[in-house]
């Protein structure tokens, strides 16, 4: 992987780790809501993510927040967020840290 893209990827993951699900006191990254971060050679970013459920109350605002926060990162030309429910999110997708914080361990 290109060093520039690798560095940008690290910055994006750090930013995603700062965005919290409003109903669960854990970052969307640690919750396992981020399925993929794709960065083109032109530094266009596409994030594929899910929500804890299709009827999530922040279904409109959370993807927009993710997009806006990623666009603020120096080096990002554009940002796009795609929501998917395949595979559906489940508790096993959470990091060990998230499971511990929420009392699942």
C-alpha atoms as a PDB file:
ATOM      1  CA  UNK A   1       0.000   0.000   0.000  1.00  0.00           C
ATOM      2  CA  UNK A   2       1.179   3.506  -0.848  1.00  0.00           C
ATOM      3  CA  UNK A   3       2.684   5.196   2.264  1.00  0.00           C
ATOM      4  CA  UNK A   4       0.565   8.317   1.707  1.00  0.00           C
ATOM      5  CA  UNK A   5      -2.639   6.266   1.545  1.00  0.00           C
ATOM      6  CA  UNK A   6      -1.568   4.172   4.539  1.00  0.00           C
ATOM      7  CA  UNK A   7      -0.937   7.320   6.569  1.00  0.00           C
ATOM      8  CA  UNK A   8      -4.293   8.790   5.513  1.00  0.00           C
ATOM      9  CA  UNK A   9      -5.996   5.509   6.411  1.00  0.00           C
ATOM     10  CA  UNK A  10      -4.563   5.738   9.942  1.00  0.00           C
ATOM     11  CA  UNK A  11      -5.852   9.316  10.297  1.00  0.00           C
ATOM     12  CA  UNK A  12      -9.309   8.293   9.094  1.00  0.00           C
ATOM     13  CA  UNK A  13      -9.493   5.394  11.544  1.00  0.00           C
ATOM     14  CA  UNK A  14      -8.418   7.715  14.360  1.00  0.00           C
ATOM     15  CA  UNK A  15     -11.184  10.155  13.374  1.00  0.00           C
ATOM     16  CA  UNK A  16     -13.788   7.364  13.186  1.00  0.00           C
ATOM     17  CA  UNK A  17     -12.701   6.230  16.640  1.00  0.00           C
ATOM     18  CA  UNK A  18     -13.644   9.712  17.920  1.00  0.00           C
ATOM     19  CA  UNK A  19     -17.236   9.457  16.640  1.00  0.00           C
ATOM     20  CA  UNK A  20     -19.589   7.884  19.147  1.00  0.00           C
ATOM     21  CA  UNK A  21     -22.925   6.218  18.654  1.00  0.00           C
ATOM     22  CA  UNK A  22     -25.298   8.584  20.495  1.00  0.00           C
ATOM     23  CA  UNK A  23     -27.154   5.714  22.173  1.00  0.00           C
ATOM     24  CA  UNK A  24     -24.145   3.586  23.117  1.00  0.00           C
ATOM     25  CA  UNK A  25     -21.104   5.199  24.791  1.00  0.00           C
ATOM     26  CA  UNK A  26     -18.642   3.533  22.403  1.00  0.00           C
ATOM     27  CA  UNK A  27     -17.058   4.741  19.169  1.00  0.00           C
ATOM     28  CA  UNK A  28     -18.575   3.596  15.891  1.00  0.00           C
ATOM     29  CA  UNK A  29     -15.213   2.055  14.984  1.00  0.00           C
ATOM     30  CA  UNK A  30     -14.999  -0.026  18.175  1.00  0.00           C
ATOM     31  CA  UNK A  31     -18.655  -1.038  17.751  1.00  0.00           C
ATOM     32  CA  UNK A  32     -17.754  -2.587  14.414  1.00  0.00           C
ATOM     33  CA  UNK A  33     -20.029  -0.317  12.398  1.00  0.00           C
ATOM     34  CA  UNK A  34     -17.248   0.494   9.908  1.00  0.00           C
ATOM     35  CA  UNK A  35     -16.956  -2.313   7.378  1.00  0.00           C
ATOM     36  CA  UNK A  36     -14.446  -0.769   4.970  1.00  0.00           C
ATOM     37  CA  UNK A  37     -12.443   2.394   4.280  1.00  0.00           C
ATOM     38  CA  UNK A  38     -11.393   2.785   0.661  1.00  0.00           C
ATOM     39  CA  UNK A  39      -8.998   5.476  -0.496  1.00  0.00           C
ATOM     40  CA  UNK A  40      -8.362   6.121  -4.171  1.00  0.00           C
ATOM     41  CA  UNK A  41      -5.031   7.320  -5.540  1.00  0.00           C
ATOM     42  CA  UNK A  42      -6.685  10.751  -5.886  1.00  0.00           C
ATOM     43  CA  UNK A  43      -7.423  10.657  -2.119  1.00  0.00           C
ATOM     44  CA  UNK A  44     -11.185  10.252  -2.535  1.00  0.00           C
ATOM     45  CA  UNK A  45     -12.493   8.323   0.470  1.00  0.00           C
ATOM     46  CA  UNK A  46     -15.405   5.909   0.543  1.00  0.00           C
ATOM     47  CA  UNK A  47     -16.554   4.483   3.839  1.00  0.00           C
ATOM     48  CA  UNK A  48     -18.846   1.491   3.943  1.00  0.00           C
ATOM     49  CA  UNK A  49     -20.629   1.247   7.241  1.00  0.00           C
ATOM     50  CA  UNK A  50     -23.713  -0.119   8.890  1.00  0.00           C
ATOM     51  CA  UNK A  51     -25.973   0.862  11.749  1.00  0.00           C
ATOM     52  CA  UNK A  52     -26.941  -1.201  14.773  1.00  0.00           C
ATOM     53  CA  UNK A  53     -30.402  -1.595  13.213  1.00  0.00           C
ATOM     54  CA  UNK A  54     -32.230  -0.388  10.076  1.00  0.00           C
ATOM     55  CA  UNK A  55     -34.540   1.656  12.300  1.00  0.00           C
ATOM     56  CA  UNK A  56     -31.645   3.377  14.075  1.00  0.00           C
ATOM     57  CA  UNK A  57     -32.757   6.882  15.155  1.00  0.00           C
ATOM     58  CA  UNK A  58     -29.534   8.415  13.779  1.00  0.00           C
ATOM     59  CA  UNK A  59     -29.792   6.705  10.371  1.00  0.00           C
ATOM     60  CA  UNK A  60     -29.790  10.112   8.669  1.00  0.00           C
ATOM     61  CA  UNK A  61     -27.428  12.102  10.873  1.00  0.00           C
ATOM     62  CA  UNK A  62     -24.663   9.601  11.727  1.00  0.00           C
ATOM     63  CA  UNK A  63     -23.527   8.882   8.135  1.00  0.00           C
ATOM     64  CA  UNK A  64     -23.558  12.625   7.451  1.00  0.00           C
ATOM     65  CA  UNK A  65     -21.444  13.253  10.563  1.00  0.00           C
ATOM     66  CA  UNK A  66     -18.969  10.561   9.451  1.00  0.00           C
ATOM     67  CA  UNK A  67     -18.712  12.100   5.985  1.00  0.00           C
ATOM     68  CA  UNK A  68     -18.239  15.629   7.332  1.00  0.00           C
ATOM     69  CA  UNK A  69     -15.606  14.606   9.881  1.00  0.00           C
ATOM     70  CA  UNK A  70     -13.598  12.616   7.326  1.00  0.00           C
ATOM     71  CA  UNK A  71     -13.737  15.525   4.854  1.00  0.00           C
ATOM     72  CA  UNK A  72     -12.017  17.707   7.487  1.00  0.00           C
ATOM     73  CA  UNK A  73      -8.893  15.516   7.445  1.00  0.00           C
ATOM     74  CA  UNK A  74      -6.010  17.125   5.612  1.00  0.00           C
ATOM     75  CA  UNK A  75      -5.325  15.273   2.394  1.00  0.00           C
ATOM     76  CA  UNK A  76      -8.877  13.993   1.867  1.00  0.00           C
ATOM     77  CA  UNK A  77     -10.189  15.263  -1.463  1.00  0.00           C
ATOM     78  CA  UNK A  78     -13.754  14.010  -1.035  1.00  0.00           C
ATOM     79  CA  UNK A  79     -15.679  11.671   1.247  1.00  0.00           C
ATOM     80  CA  UNK A  80     -18.625   9.418   0.628  1.00  0.00           C
ATOM     81  CA  UNK A  81     -20.467   7.141   3.056  1.00  0.00           C
ATOM     82  CA  UNK A  82     -22.393   4.103   1.938  1.00  0.00           C
ATOM     83  CA  UNK A  83     -24.763   2.384   4.358  1.00  0.00           C
ATOM     84  CA  UNK A  84     -25.199  -1.368   4.069  1.00  0.00           C
ATOM     85  CA  UNK A  85     -26.977  -3.972   6.132  1.00  0.00           C
ATOM     86  CA  UNK A  86     -25.103  -6.895   4.591  1.00  0.00           C
ATOM     87  CA  UNK A  87     -23.920  -8.509   6.709  1.00  0.00           C
ATOM     88  CA  UNK A  88     -26.260  -7.307   9.448  1.00  0.00           C
ATOM     89  CA  UNK A  89     -24.495  -5.871  12.475  1.00  0.00           C
ATOM     90  CA  UNK A  90     -24.302  -8.058  15.556  1.00  0.00           C
ATOM     91  CA  UNK A  91     -22.560  -7.823  18.927  1.00  0.00           C
ATOM     92  CA  UNK A  92     -19.759 -10.168  17.839  1.00  0.00           C
ATOM     93  CA  UNK A  93     -18.497  -7.403  15.484  1.00  0.00           C
ATOM     94  CA  UNK A  94     -17.504  -5.223  18.440  1.00  0.00           C
ATOM     95  CA  UNK A  95     -13.893  -4.961  19.516  1.00  0.00           C
ATOM     96  CA  UNK A  96     -12.849  -6.610  22.777  1.00  0.00           C
ATOM     97  CA  UNK A  97     -12.537  -3.118  24.255  1.00  0.00           C
ATOM     98  CA  UNK A  98     -16.137  -2.259  23.326  1.00  0.00           C
ATOM     99  CA  UNK A  99     -17.435  -5.564  24.695  1.00  0.00           C
ATOM    100  CA  UNK A 100     -15.578  -4.947  27.953  1.00  0.00           C
ATOM    101  CA  UNK A 101     -16.856  -1.378  28.221  1.00  0.00           C
ATOM    102  CA  UNK A 102     -20.448  -2.501  27.657  1.00  0.00           C
ATOM    103  CA  UNK A 103     -20.169  -5.429  30.069  1.00  0.00           C
ATOM    104  CA  UNK A 104     -20.290  -8.235  27.498  1.00  0.00           C
ATOM    105  CA  UNK A 105     -17.038  -9.799  28.757  1.00  0.00           C
END
